[in-house]
């Protein structure tokens, strides 16, 4: 399984990559919404983990742009420490596939993957 992790923090990317790799994923990372769009146009991913709080183009804006791409159907999971909006907001208003809070807990990651029927 191939995962793309989108976050503007190099440390967060490294931590998330290590956790996902221990769960058997091949990971790629993206440092911005713009970089994410380019990677998705040129690669196929089984799942995308998207930070919300990023400069220039936040996670919600990036996800909206992803949904405009032809044939885009990759599940996008919110990966955030943001507490301004609730899990339900991300799932029901913005239509993300699932929600995962930072720091990533293995048990929560496994629940998300199970709900999405990944792995």
PDB file of N, CA and C in Angstrom:
ATOM      1  N   UNK A   1       0.839  -1.182   0.000  1.00  0.00           N
ATOM      2  CA  UNK A   1       0.000   0.000   0.000  1.00  0.00           C
ATOM      3  C   UNK A   1       0.882   1.243   0.000  1.00  0.00           C
ATOM      4  N   UNK A   2       0.461   2.212  -0.767  1.00  0.00           N
ATOM      5  CA  UNK A   2       1.241   3.429  -0.915  1.00  0.00           C
ATOM      6  C   UNK A   2       0.470   4.610  -0.333  1.00  0.00           C
ATOM      7  N   UNK A   3       1.117   5.350   0.577  1.00  0.00           N
ATOM      8  CA  UNK A   3       0.497   6.487   1.248  1.00  0.00           C
ATOM      9  C   UNK A   3       1.274   7.759   0.957  1.00  0.00           C
ATOM     10  N   UNK A   4       0.541   8.846   0.768  1.00  0.00           N
ATOM     11  CA  UNK A   4       1.133  10.179   0.658  1.00  0.00           C
ATOM     12  C   UNK A   4       0.787  10.928   1.938  1.00  0.00           C
ATOM     13  N   UNK A   5       1.806  11.505   2.562  1.00  0.00           N
ATOM     14  CA  UNK A   5       1.622  12.284   3.782  1.00  0.00           C
ATOM     15  C   UNK A   5       1.922  13.738   3.436  1.00  0.00           C
ATOM     16  N   UNK A   6       0.955  14.616   3.700  1.00  0.00           N
ATOM     17  CA  UNK A   6       1.087  16.027   3.355  1.00  0.00           C
ATOM     18  C   UNK A   6       1.120  16.837   4.644  1.00  0.00           C
ATOM     19  N   UNK A   7       2.233  17.530   4.879  1.00  0.00           N
ATOM     20  CA  UNK A   7       2.396  18.329   6.092  1.00  0.00           C
ATOM     21  C   UNK A   7       3.520  19.325   5.842  1.00  0.00           C
ATOM     22  N   UNK A   8       3.391  20.522   6.382  1.00  0.00           N
ATOM     23  CA  UNK A   8       4.429  21.534   6.185  1.00  0.00           C
ATOM     24  C   UNK A   8       5.579  21.403   7.180  1.00  0.00           C
ATOM     25  N   UNK A   9       5.480  20.449   8.090  1.00  0.00           N
ATOM     26  CA  UNK A   9       6.531  20.225   9.083  1.00  0.00           C
ATOM     27  C   UNK A   9       7.339  18.981   8.728  1.00  0.00           C
ATOM     28  N   UNK A  10       8.640  19.164   8.526  1.00  0.00           N
ATOM     29  CA  UNK A  10       9.516  18.033   8.200  1.00  0.00           C
ATOM     30  C   UNK A  10       9.522  16.990   9.324  1.00  0.00           C
ATOM     31  N   UNK A  11       9.457  17.445  10.555  1.00  0.00           N
ATOM     32  CA  UNK A  11       9.445  16.528  11.696  1.00  0.00           C
ATOM     33  C   UNK A  11       8.173  15.685  11.680  1.00  0.00           C
ATOM     34  N   UNK A  12       7.023  16.331  11.442  1.00  0.00           N
ATOM     35  CA  UNK A  12       5.761  15.588  11.384  1.00  0.00           C
ATOM     36  C   UNK A  12       5.768  14.575  10.242  1.00  0.00           C
ATOM     37  N   UNK A  13       6.356  14.955   9.116  1.00  0.00           N
ATOM     38  CA  UNK A  13       6.446  14.033   7.980  1.00  0.00           C
ATOM     39  C   UNK A  13       7.276  12.810   8.331  1.00  0.00           C
ATOM     40  N   UNK A  14       8.390  13.053   9.014  1.00  0.00           N
ATOM     41  CA  UNK A  14       9.279  11.947   9.394  1.00  0.00           C
ATOM     42  C   UNK A  14       8.596  10.999  10.378  1.00  0.00           C
ATOM     43  N   UNK A  15       7.937  11.559  11.379  1.00  0.00           N
ATOM     44  CA  UNK A  15       7.247  10.746  12.389  1.00  0.00           C
ATOM     45  C   UNK A  15       6.124   9.938  11.746  1.00  0.00           C
ATOM     46  N   UNK A  16       5.282  10.591  10.950  1.00  0.00           N
ATOM     47  CA  UNK A  16       4.164   9.898  10.303  1.00  0.00           C
ATOM     48  C   UNK A  16       4.678   8.810   9.358  1.00  0.00           C
ATOM     49  N   UNK A  17       5.735   9.097   8.618  1.00  0.00           N
ATOM     50  CA  UNK A  17       6.308   8.100   7.713  1.00  0.00           C
ATOM     51  C   UNK A  17       6.759   6.864   8.469  1.00  0.00           C
ATOM     52  N   UNK A  18       7.463   7.060   9.568  1.00  0.00           N
ATOM     53  CA  UNK A  18       7.965   5.922  10.356  1.00  0.00           C
ATOM     54  C   UNK A  18       6.807   5.065  10.870  1.00  0.00           C
ATOM     55  N   UNK A  19       5.762   5.714  11.366  1.00  0.00           N
ATOM     56  CA  UNK A  19       4.609   4.980  11.898  1.00  0.00           C
ATOM     57  C   UNK A  19       3.931   4.187  10.787  1.00  0.00           C
ATOM     58  N   UNK A  20       3.693   4.836   9.652  1.00  0.00           N
ATOM     59  CA  UNK A  20       3.014   4.155   8.548  1.00  0.00           C
ATOM     60  C   UNK A  20       3.874   3.036   7.949  1.00  0.00           C
ATOM     61  N   UNK A  21       5.169   3.258   7.882  1.00  0.00           N
ATOM     62  CA  UNK A  21       6.061   2.223   7.362  1.00  0.00           C
ATOM     63  C   UNK A  21       6.062   0.996   8.273  1.00  0.00           C
ATOM     64  N   UNK A  22       5.964   1.198   9.587  1.00  0.00           N
ATOM     65  CA  UNK A  22       5.874   0.066  10.519  1.00  0.00           C
ATOM     66  C   UNK A  22       4.581  -0.722  10.317  1.00  0.00           C
ATOM     67  N   UNK A  23       3.565  -0.044   9.757  1.00  0.00           N
ATOM     68  CA  UNK A  23       2.288  -0.695   9.464  1.00  0.00           C
ATOM     69  C   UNK A  23       2.269  -1.281   8.055  1.00  0.00           C
ATOM     70  N   UNK A  24       3.417  -1.232   7.371  1.00  0.00           N
ATOM     71  CA  UNK A  24       3.534  -1.882   6.073  1.00  0.00           C
ATOM     72  C   UNK A  24       3.331  -0.988   4.855  1.00  0.00           C
ATOM     73  N   UNK A  25       3.217   0.298   5.059  1.00  0.00           N
ATOM     74  CA  UNK A  25       3.022   1.214   3.942  1.00  0.00           C
ATOM     75  C   UNK A  25       4.336   1.637   3.303  1.00  0.00           C
ATOM     76  N   UNK A  26       4.292   1.874   2.026  1.00  0.00           N
ATOM     77  CA  UNK A  26       5.342   2.602   1.320  1.00  0.00           C
ATOM     78  C   UNK A  26       4.882   4.049   1.373  1.00  0.00           C
ATOM     79  N   UNK A  27       5.737   4.942   1.857  1.00  0.00           N
ATOM     80  CA  UNK A  27       5.300   6.330   2.029  1.00  0.00           C
ATOM     81  C   UNK A  27       6.063   7.290   1.127  1.00  0.00           C
ATOM     82  N   UNK A  28       5.357   8.318   0.744  1.00  0.00           N
ATOM     83  CA  UNK A  28       5.951   9.486   0.109  1.00  0.00           C
ATOM     84  C   UNK A  28       5.457  10.681   0.901  1.00  0.00           C
ATOM     85  N   UNK A  29       6.234  11.743   0.869  1.00  0.00           N
ATOM     86  CA  UNK A  29       5.847  12.928   1.623  1.00  0.00           C
ATOM     87  C   UNK A  29       5.741  14.139   0.712  1.00  0.00           C
ATOM     88  N   UNK A  30       4.956  15.085   1.185  1.00  0.00           N
ATOM     89  CA  UNK A  30       4.741  16.325   0.458  1.00  0.00           C
ATOM     90  C   UNK A  30       4.714  17.461   1.472  1.00  0.00           C
ATOM     91  N   UNK A  31       5.436  18.523   1.189  1.00  0.00           N
ATOM     92  CA  UNK A  31       5.614  19.624   2.133  1.00  0.00           C
ATOM     93  C   UNK A  31       4.590  20.751   1.969  1.00  0.00           C
ATOM     94  N   UNK A  32       3.733  20.657   0.932  1.00  0.00           N
ATOM     95  CA  UNK A  32       2.736  21.719   0.717  1.00  0.00           C
ATOM     96  C   UNK A  32       1.566  21.216  -0.104  1.00  0.00           C
ATOM     97  N   UNK A  33       0.495  21.990  -0.094  1.00  0.00           N
ATOM     98  CA  UNK A  33      -0.655  21.656  -0.916  1.00  0.00           C
ATOM     99  C   UNK A  33      -0.319  21.641  -2.392  1.00  0.00           C
ATOM    100  N   UNK A  34       0.472  22.601  -2.836  1.00  0.00           N
ATOM    101  CA  UNK A  34       0.857  22.657  -4.248  1.00  0.00           C
ATOM    102  C   UNK A  34       1.677  21.433  -4.648  1.00  0.00           C
ATOM    103  N   UNK A  35       2.613  21.049  -3.799  1.00  0.00           N
ATOM    104  CA  UNK A  35       3.432  19.863  -4.056  1.00  0.00           C
ATOM    105  C   UNK A  35       2.554  18.610  -4.073  1.00  0.00           C
ATOM    106  N   UNK A  36       1.589  18.546  -3.175  1.00  0.00           N
ATOM    107  CA  UNK A  36       0.656  17.419  -3.121  1.00  0.00           C
ATOM    108  C   UNK A  36      -0.083  17.276  -4.445  1.00  0.00           C
ATOM    109  N   UNK A  37      -0.597  18.366  -4.968  1.00  0.00           N
ATOM    110  CA  UNK A  37      -1.334  18.320  -6.236  1.00  0.00           C
ATOM    111  C   UNK A  37      -0.470  17.767  -7.357  1.00  0.00           C
ATOM    112  N   UNK A  38       0.772  18.202  -7.422  1.00  0.00           N
ATOM    113  CA  UNK A  38       1.681  17.709  -8.467  1.00  0.00           C
ATOM    114  C   UNK A  38       1.960  16.215  -8.297  1.00  0.00           C
ATOM    115  N   UNK A  39       2.167  15.790  -7.055  1.00  0.00           N
ATOM    116  CA  UNK A  39       2.451  14.372  -6.819  1.00  0.00           C
ATOM    117  C   UNK A  39       1.255  13.505  -7.185  1.00  0.00           C
ATOM    118  N   UNK A  40       0.064  13.956  -6.847  1.00  0.00           N
ATOM    119  CA  UNK A  40      -1.137  13.170  -7.138  1.00  0.00           C
ATOM    120  C   UNK A  40      -1.387  13.101  -8.645  1.00  0.00           C
ATOM    121  N   UNK A  41      -1.046  14.160  -9.359  1.00  0.00           N
ATOM    122  CA  UNK A  41      -1.209  14.149 -10.819  1.00  0.00           C
ATOM    123  C   UNK A  41      -0.282  13.131 -11.479  1.00  0.00           C
ATOM    124  N   UNK A  42       0.861  12.843 -10.840  1.00  0.00           N
ATOM    125  CA  UNK A  42       1.882  11.991 -11.442  1.00  0.00           C
ATOM    126  C   UNK A  42       2.059  10.626 -10.792  1.00  0.00           C
ATOM    127  N   UNK A  43       1.313  10.342  -9.733  1.00  0.00           N
ATOM    128  CA  UNK A  43       1.466   9.090  -8.999  1.00  0.00           C
ATOM    129  C   UNK A  43       0.106   8.578  -8.536  1.00  0.00           C
ATOM    130  N   UNK A  44       0.063   7.312  -8.201  1.00  0.00           N
ATOM    131  CA  UNK A  44      -1.153   6.694  -7.672  1.00  0.00           C
ATOM    132  C   UNK A  44      -0.908   6.351  -6.202  1.00  0.00           C
ATOM    133  N   UNK A  45      -1.831   6.768  -5.347  1.00  0.00           N
ATOM    134  CA  UNK A  45      -1.736   6.477  -3.914  1.00  0.00           C
ATOM    135  C   UNK A  45      -2.986   5.731  -3.463  1.00  0.00           C
ATOM    136  N   UNK A  46      -2.827   4.887  -2.456  1.00  0.00           N
ATOM    137  CA  UNK A  46      -3.964   4.177  -1.887  1.00  0.00           C
ATOM    138  C   UNK A  46      -4.670   5.011  -0.830  1.00  0.00           C
ATOM    139  N   UNK A  47      -3.922   5.936  -0.218  1.00  0.00           N
ATOM    140  CA  UNK A  47      -4.472   6.798   0.827  1.00  0.00           C
ATOM    141  C   UNK A  47      -3.598   8.047   0.935  1.00  0.00           C
ATOM    142  N   UNK A  48      -4.228   9.156   1.319  1.00  0.00           N
ATOM    143  CA  UNK A  48      -3.505  10.411   1.547  1.00  0.00           C
ATOM    144  C   UNK A  48      -3.838  10.888   2.950  1.00  0.00           C
ATOM    145  N   UNK A  49      -2.817  11.249   3.700  1.00  0.00           N
ATOM    146  CA  UNK A  49      -2.979  11.844   5.026  1.00  0.00           C
ATOM    147  C   UNK A  49      -2.664  13.329   4.885  1.00  0.00           C
ATOM    148  N   UNK A  50      -3.641  14.188   5.201  1.00  0.00           N
ATOM    149  CA  UNK A  50      -3.550  15.617   4.907  1.00  0.00           C
ATOM    150  C   UNK A  50      -3.590  16.470   6.165  1.00  0.00           C
ATOM    151  N   UNK A  51      -2.518  17.216   6.397  1.00  0.00           N
ATOM    152  CA  UNK A  51      -2.517  18.220   7.459  1.00  0.00           C
ATOM    153  C   UNK A  51      -3.460  19.348   7.035  1.00  0.00           C
ATOM    154  N   UNK A  52      -4.060  20.008   7.989  1.00  0.00           N
ATOM    155  CA  UNK A  52      -4.975  21.111   7.671  1.00  0.00           C
ATOM    156  C   UNK A  52      -4.253  22.451   7.705  1.00  0.00           C
ATOM    157  N   UNK A  53      -3.474  22.687   8.742  1.00  0.00           N
ATOM    158  CA  UNK A  53      -2.842  23.986   8.941  1.00  0.00           C
ATOM    159  C   UNK A  53      -1.521  24.080   8.180  1.00  0.00           C
ATOM    160  N   UNK A  54      -1.616  24.523   6.913  1.00  0.00           N
ATOM    161  CA  UNK A  54      -0.422  24.715   6.088  1.00  0.00           C
ATOM    162  C   UNK A  54      -0.483  26.100   5.468  1.00  0.00           C
ATOM    163  N   UNK A  55       0.687  26.724   5.261  1.00  0.00           N
ATOM    164  CA  UNK A  55       0.697  28.042   4.625  1.00  0.00           C
ATOM    165  C   UNK A  55       0.359  27.936   3.134  1.00  0.00           C
ATOM    166  N   UNK A  56       0.019  29.028   2.546  1.00  0.00           N
ATOM    167  CA  UNK A  56      -0.290  29.170   1.116  1.00  0.00           C
ATOM    168  C   UNK A  56      -1.589  28.475   0.731  1.00  0.00           C
ATOM    169  N   UNK A  57      -1.678  27.173   0.906  1.00  0.00           N
ATOM    170  CA  UNK A  57      -2.903  26.438   0.610  1.00  0.00           C
ATOM    171  C   UNK A  57      -3.113  25.421   1.727  1.00  0.00           C
ATOM    172  N   UNK A  58      -4.161  25.628   2.531  1.00  0.00           N
ATOM    173  CA  UNK A  58      -4.368  24.717   3.657  1.00  0.00           C
ATOM    174  C   UNK A  58      -4.925  23.372   3.182  1.00  0.00           C
ATOM    175  N   UNK A  59      -5.088  22.454   4.105  1.00  0.00           N
ATOM    176  CA  UNK A  59      -5.533  21.112   3.757  1.00  0.00           C
ATOM    177  C   UNK A  59      -6.921  21.063   3.147  1.00  0.00           C
ATOM    178  N   UNK A  60      -7.837  21.901   3.635  1.00  0.00           N
ATOM    179  CA  UNK A  60      -9.187  21.924   3.069  1.00  0.00           C
ATOM    180  C   UNK A  60      -9.160  22.420   1.624  1.00  0.00           C
ATOM    181  N   UNK A  61      -8.370  23.452   1.372  1.00  0.00           N
ATOM    182  CA  UNK A  61      -8.241  23.982   0.001  1.00  0.00           C
ATOM    183  C   UNK A  61      -7.573  22.957  -0.916  1.00  0.00           C
ATOM    184  N   UNK A  62      -6.549  22.301  -0.407  1.00  0.00           N
ATOM    185  CA  UNK A  62      -5.851  21.281  -1.196  1.00  0.00           C
ATOM    186  C   UNK A  62      -6.805  20.146  -1.549  1.00  0.00           C
ATOM    187  N   UNK A  63      -7.587  19.702  -0.576  1.00  0.00           N
ATOM    188  CA  UNK A  63      -8.530  18.623  -0.829  1.00  0.00           C
ATOM    189  C   UNK A  63      -9.572  19.031  -1.874  1.00  0.00           C
ATOM    190  N   UNK A  64     -10.053  20.263  -1.796  1.00  0.00           N
ATOM    191  CA  UNK A  64     -11.015  20.749  -2.793  1.00  0.00           C
ATOM    192  C   UNK A  64     -10.405  20.698  -4.197  1.00  0.00           C
ATOM    193  N   UNK A  65      -9.130  21.082  -4.324  1.00  0.00           N
ATOM    194  CA  UNK A  65      -8.441  21.037  -5.626  1.00  0.00           C
ATOM    195  C   UNK A  65      -8.236  19.591  -6.090  1.00  0.00           C
ATOM    196  N   UNK A  66      -7.934  18.696  -5.156  1.00  0.00           N
ATOM    197  CA  UNK A  66      -7.763  17.288  -5.514  1.00  0.00           C
ATOM    198  C   UNK A  66      -9.056  16.728  -6.110  1.00  0.00           C
ATOM    199  N   UNK A  67     -10.193  17.082  -5.503  1.00  0.00           N
ATOM    200  CA  UNK A  67     -11.479  16.559  -5.973  1.00  0.00           C
ATOM    201  C   UNK A  67     -11.829  17.067  -7.373  1.00  0.00           C
ATOM    202  N   UNK A  68     -11.172  18.138  -7.826  1.00  0.00           N
ATOM    203  CA  UNK A  68     -11.400  18.662  -9.177  1.00  0.00           C
ATOM    204  C   UNK A  68     -10.622  17.880 -10.235  1.00  0.00           C
ATOM    205  N   UNK A  69      -9.646  17.083  -9.801  1.00  0.00           N
ATOM    206  CA  UNK A  69      -8.847  16.309 -10.750  1.00  0.00           C
ATOM    207  C   UNK A  69      -9.676  15.184 -11.355  1.00  0.00           C
ATOM    208  N   UNK A  70      -9.512  14.939 -12.649  1.00  0.00           N
ATOM    209  CA  UNK A  70     -10.257  13.840 -13.271  1.00  0.00           C
ATOM    210  C   UNK A  70      -9.891  12.493 -12.639  1.00  0.00           C
ATOM    211  N   UNK A  71     -10.885  11.687 -12.386  1.00  0.00           N
ATOM    212  CA  UNK A  71     -10.705  10.330 -11.851  1.00  0.00           C
ATOM    213  C   UNK A  71     -10.079  10.273 -10.463  1.00  0.00           C
ATOM    214  N   UNK A  72     -10.101  11.373  -9.717  1.00  0.00           N
ATOM    215  CA  UNK A  72      -9.542  11.329  -8.361  1.00  0.00           C
ATOM    216  C   UNK A  72     -10.536  10.632  -7.438  1.00  0.00           C
ATOM    217  N   UNK A  73     -10.104   9.568  -6.797  1.00  0.00           N
ATOM    218  CA  UNK A  73     -10.973   8.862  -5.856  1.00  0.00           C
ATOM    219  C   UNK A  73     -10.198   8.275  -4.670  1.00  0.00           C
ATOM    220  N   UNK A  74      -9.043   8.833  -4.393  1.00  0.00           N
ATOM    221  CA  UNK A  74      -8.215   8.361  -3.276  1.00  0.00           C
ATOM    222  C   UNK A  74      -8.791   8.858  -1.956  1.00  0.00           C
ATOM    223  N   UNK A  75      -8.929   7.994  -0.958  1.00  0.00           N
ATOM    224  CA  UNK A  75      -9.400   8.477   0.343  1.00  0.00           C
ATOM    225  C   UNK A  75      -8.375   9.426   0.963  1.00  0.00           C
ATOM    226  N   UNK A  76      -8.884  10.561   1.457  1.00  0.00           N
ATOM    227  CA  UNK A  76      -8.035  11.565   2.095  1.00  0.00           C
ATOM    228  C   UNK A  76      -8.442  11.663   3.562  1.00  0.00           C
ATOM    229  N   UNK A  77      -7.470  11.413   4.428  1.00  0.00           N
ATOM    230  CA  UNK A  77      -7.689  11.431   5.869  1.00  0.00           C
ATOM    231  C   UNK A  77      -7.105  12.717   6.442  1.00  0.00           C
ATOM    232  N   UNK A  78      -7.917  13.422   7.219  1.00  0.00           N
ATOM    233  CA  UNK A  78      -7.438  14.603   7.931  1.00  0.00           C
ATOM    234  C   UNK A  78      -6.420  14.134   8.956  1.00  0.00           C
ATOM    235  N   UNK A  79      -5.276  14.780   8.986  1.00  0.00           N
ATOM    236  CA  UNK A  79      -4.233  14.489   9.972  1.00  0.00           C
ATOM    237  C   UNK A  79      -3.884  15.819  10.619  1.00  0.00           C
ATOM    238  N   UNK A  80      -4.450  16.063  11.797  1.00  0.00           N
ATOM    239  CA  UNK A  80      -4.320  17.407  12.344  1.00  0.00           C
ATOM    240  C   UNK A  80      -4.324  17.451  13.870  1.00  0.00           C
ATOM    241  N   UNK A  81      -3.719  18.486  14.394  1.00  0.00           N
ATOM    242  CA  UNK A  81      -3.788  18.794  15.815  1.00  0.00           C
ATOM    243  C   UNK A  81      -4.778  19.937  16.030  1.00  0.00           C
ATOM    244  N   UNK A  82      -5.391  20.394  14.946  1.00  0.00           N
ATOM    245  CA  UNK A  82      -6.357  21.494  14.965  1.00  0.00           C
ATOM    246  C   UNK A  82      -7.561  21.112  15.813  1.00  0.00           C
ATOM    247  N   UNK A  83      -7.926  21.973  16.734  1.00  0.00           N
ATOM    248  CA  UNK A  83      -9.103  21.712  17.560  1.00  0.00           C
ATOM    249  C   UNK A  83     -10.218  22.705  17.281  1.00  0.00           C
ATOM    250  N   UNK A  84     -10.044  23.565  16.285  1.00  0.00           N
ATOM    251  CA  UNK A  84     -11.076  24.551  15.968  1.00  0.00           C
ATOM    252  C   UNK A  84     -12.322  23.898  15.394  1.00  0.00           C
ATOM    253  N   UNK A  85     -12.131  22.844  14.644  1.00  0.00           N
ATOM    254  CA  UNK A  85     -13.259  22.148  14.051  1.00  0.00           C
ATOM    255  C   UNK A  85     -13.273  20.720  14.561  1.00  0.00           C
ATOM    256  N   UNK A  86     -14.447  20.140  14.557  1.00  0.00           N
ATOM    257  CA  UNK A  86     -14.577  18.790  15.102  1.00  0.00           C
ATOM    258  C   UNK A  86     -14.393  17.737  14.017  1.00  0.00           C
ATOM    259  N   UNK A  87     -14.254  16.519  14.486  1.00  0.00           N
ATOM    260  CA  UNK A  87     -14.155  15.383  13.571  1.00  0.00           C
ATOM    261  C   UNK A  87     -15.362  15.367  12.635  1.00  0.00           C
ATOM    262  N   UNK A  88     -16.556  15.593  13.203  1.00  0.00           N
ATOM    263  CA  UNK A  88     -17.774  15.595  12.388  1.00  0.00           C
ATOM    264  C   UNK A  88     -17.750  16.664  11.313  1.00  0.00           C
ATOM    265  N   UNK A  89     -17.193  17.839  11.631  1.00  0.00           N
ATOM    266  CA  UNK A  89     -17.080  18.900  10.617  1.00  0.00           C
ATOM    267  C   UNK A  89     -16.229  18.423   9.445  1.00  0.00           C
ATOM    268  N   UNK A  90     -15.094  17.829   9.750  1.00  0.00           N
ATOM    269  CA  UNK A  90     -14.205  17.372   8.684  1.00  0.00           C
ATOM    270  C   UNK A  90     -14.855  16.284   7.828  1.00  0.00           C
ATOM    271  N   UNK A  91     -15.612  15.405   8.468  1.00  0.00           N
ATOM    272  CA  UNK A  91     -16.228  14.301   7.743  1.00  0.00           C
ATOM    273  C   UNK A  91     -17.502  14.720   7.014  1.00  0.00           C
ATOM    274  N   UNK A  92     -18.340  15.519   7.653  1.00  0.00           N
ATOM    275  CA  UNK A  92     -19.648  15.835   7.095  1.00  0.00           C
ATOM    276  C   UNK A  92     -19.696  17.127   6.279  1.00  0.00           C
ATOM    277  N   UNK A  93     -18.933  18.125   6.647  1.00  0.00           N
ATOM    278  CA  UNK A  93     -18.944  19.391   5.901  1.00  0.00           C
ATOM    279  C   UNK A  93     -17.929  19.358   4.769  1.00  0.00           C
ATOM    280  N   UNK A  94     -16.716  18.911   5.066  1.00  0.00           N
ATOM    281  CA  UNK A  94     -15.638  18.929   4.067  1.00  0.00           C
ATOM    282  C   UNK A  94     -15.494  17.606   3.321  1.00  0.00           C
ATOM    283  N   UNK A  95     -16.193  16.578   3.807  1.00  0.00           N
ATOM    284  CA  UNK A  95     -16.231  15.264   3.148  1.00  0.00           C
ATOM    285  C   UNK A  95     -14.896  14.525   3.075  1.00  0.00           C
ATOM    286  N   UNK A  96     -14.037  14.718   4.081  1.00  0.00           N
ATOM    287  CA  UNK A  96     -12.832  13.903   4.162  1.00  0.00           C
ATOM    288  C   UNK A  96     -13.261  12.463   4.463  1.00  0.00           C
ATOM    289  N   UNK A  97     -12.440  11.506   4.069  1.00  0.00           N
ATOM    290  CA  UNK A  97     -12.772  10.096   4.272  1.00  0.00           C
ATOM    291  C   UNK A  97     -12.756   9.706   5.749  1.00  0.00           C
ATOM    292  N   UNK A  98     -11.780  10.244   6.488  1.00  0.00           N
ATOM    293  CA  UNK A  98     -11.653   9.943   7.913  1.00  0.00           C
ATOM    294  C   UNK A  98     -10.841  11.033   8.588  1.00  0.00           C
ATOM    295  N   UNK A  99     -10.730  10.930   9.910  1.00  0.00           N
ATOM    296  CA  UNK A  99     -10.061  11.930  10.744  1.00  0.00           C
ATOM    297  C   UNK A  99      -9.074  11.211  11.657  1.00  0.00           C
ATOM    298  N   UNK A 100      -7.861  11.760  11.729  1.00  0.00           N
ATOM    299  CA  UNK A 100      -6.835  11.206  12.614  1.00  0.00           C
ATOM    300  C   UNK A 100      -6.132  12.376  13.286  1.00  0.00           C
ATOM    301  N   UNK A 101      -6.120  12.373  14.601  1.00  0.00           N
ATOM    302  CA  UNK A 101      -5.496  13.487  15.313  1.00  0.00           C
ATOM    303  C   UNK A 101      -4.006  13.240  15.531  1.00  0.00           C
ATOM    304  N   UNK A 102      -3.278  14.357  15.638  1.00  0.00           N
ATOM    305  CA  UNK A 102      -1.850  14.307  15.961  1.00  0.00           C
ATOM    306  C   UNK A 102      -1.700  14.502  17.457  1.00  0.00           C
ATOM    307  N   UNK A 103      -0.739  13.867  18.071  1.00  0.00           N
ATOM    308  CA  UNK A 103       0.172  12.890  17.494  1.00  0.00           C
ATOM    309  C   UNK A 103      -0.571  11.604  17.157  1.00  0.00           C
ATOM    310  N   UNK A 104      -0.080  10.907  16.139  1.00  0.00           N
ATOM    311  CA  UNK A 104      -0.730   9.687  15.669  1.00  0.00           C
ATOM    312  C   UNK A 104      -0.583   8.591  16.717  1.00  0.00           C
ATOM    313  N   UNK A 105      -1.713   8.000  17.051  1.00  0.00           N
ATOM    314  CA  UNK A 105      -1.718   6.826  17.934  1.00  0.00           C
ATOM    315  C   UNK A 105      -1.997   5.605  17.070  1.00  0.00           C
ATOM    316  N   UNK A 106      -1.235   4.557  17.265  1.00  0.00           N
ATOM    317  CA  UNK A 106      -1.341   3.344  16.453  1.00  0.00           C
ATOM    318  C   UNK A 106      -2.761   2.776  16.483  1.00  0.00           C
ATOM    319  N   UNK A 107      -3.377   2.744  17.668  1.00  0.00           N
ATOM    320  CA  UNK A 107      -4.728   2.184  17.748  1.00  0.00           C
ATOM    321  C   UNK A 107      -5.721   2.994  16.930  1.00  0.00           C
ATOM    322  N   UNK A 108      -5.589   4.312  16.938  1.00  0.00           N
ATOM    323  CA  UNK A 108      -6.482   5.167  16.145  1.00  0.00           C
ATOM    324  C   UNK A 108      -6.203   5.002  14.649  1.00  0.00           C
ATOM    325  N   UNK A 109      -4.945   4.892  14.281  1.00  0.00           N
ATOM    326  CA  UNK A 109      -4.590   4.656  12.883  1.00  0.00           C
ATOM    327  C   UNK A 109      -5.210   3.353  12.399  1.00  0.00           C
ATOM    328  N   UNK A 110      -5.110   2.318  13.190  1.00  0.00           N
ATOM    329  CA  UNK A 110      -5.672   1.019  12.810  1.00  0.00           C
ATOM    330  C   UNK A 110      -7.186   1.095  12.646  1.00  0.00           C
ATOM    331  N   UNK A 111      -7.860   1.875  13.508  1.00  0.00           N
ATOM    332  CA  UNK A 111      -9.308   2.057  13.378  1.00  0.00           C
ATOM    333  C   UNK A 111      -9.645   2.741  12.055  1.00  0.00           C
ATOM    334  N   UNK A 112      -8.910   3.800  11.735  1.00  0.00           N
ATOM    335  CA  UNK A 112      -9.142   4.534  10.488  1.00  0.00           C
ATOM    336  C   UNK A 112      -8.937   3.614   9.289  1.00  0.00           C
ATOM    337  N   UNK A 113      -7.860   2.863   9.288  1.00  0.00           N
ATOM    338  CA  UNK A 113      -7.571   1.960   8.174  1.00  0.00           C
ATOM    339  C   UNK A 113      -8.659   0.877   8.060  1.00  0.00           C
ATOM    340  N   UNK A 114      -9.148   0.401   9.191  1.00  0.00           N
ATOM    341  CA  UNK A 114     -10.210  -0.603   9.183  1.00  0.00           C
ATOM    342  C   UNK A 114     -11.509  -0.025   8.619  1.00  0.00           C
ATOM    343  N   UNK A 115     -11.873   1.180   9.051  1.00  0.00           N
ATOM    344  CA  UNK A 115     -13.084   1.844   8.548  1.00  0.00           C
ATOM    345  C   UNK A 115     -13.012   2.032   7.036  1.00  0.00           C
ATOM    346  N   UNK A 116     -11.828   2.377   6.544  1.00  0.00           N
ATOM    347  CA  UNK A 116     -11.643   2.617   5.111  1.00  0.00           C
ATOM    348  C   UNK A 116     -11.359   1.331   4.343  1.00  0.00           C
ATOM    349  N   UNK A 117     -11.280   0.215   5.075  1.00  0.00           N
ATOM    350  CA  UNK A 117     -10.988  -1.085   4.466  1.00  0.00           C
ATOM    351  C   UNK A 117      -9.655  -1.068   3.685  1.00  0.00           C
ATOM    352  N   UNK A 118      -8.656  -0.491   4.342  1.00  0.00           N
ATOM    353  CA  UNK A 118      -7.318  -0.419   3.750  1.00  0.00           C
ATOM    354  C   UNK A 118      -6.387  -1.317   4.550  1.00  0.00           C
ATOM    355  N   UNK A 119      -5.675  -2.177   3.831  1.00  0.00           N
ATOM    356  CA  UNK A 119      -4.675  -3.079   4.400  1.00  0.00           C
ATOM    357  C   UNK A 119      -5.183  -4.363   4.853  1.00  0.00           C
TER     358      UNK A 119
END
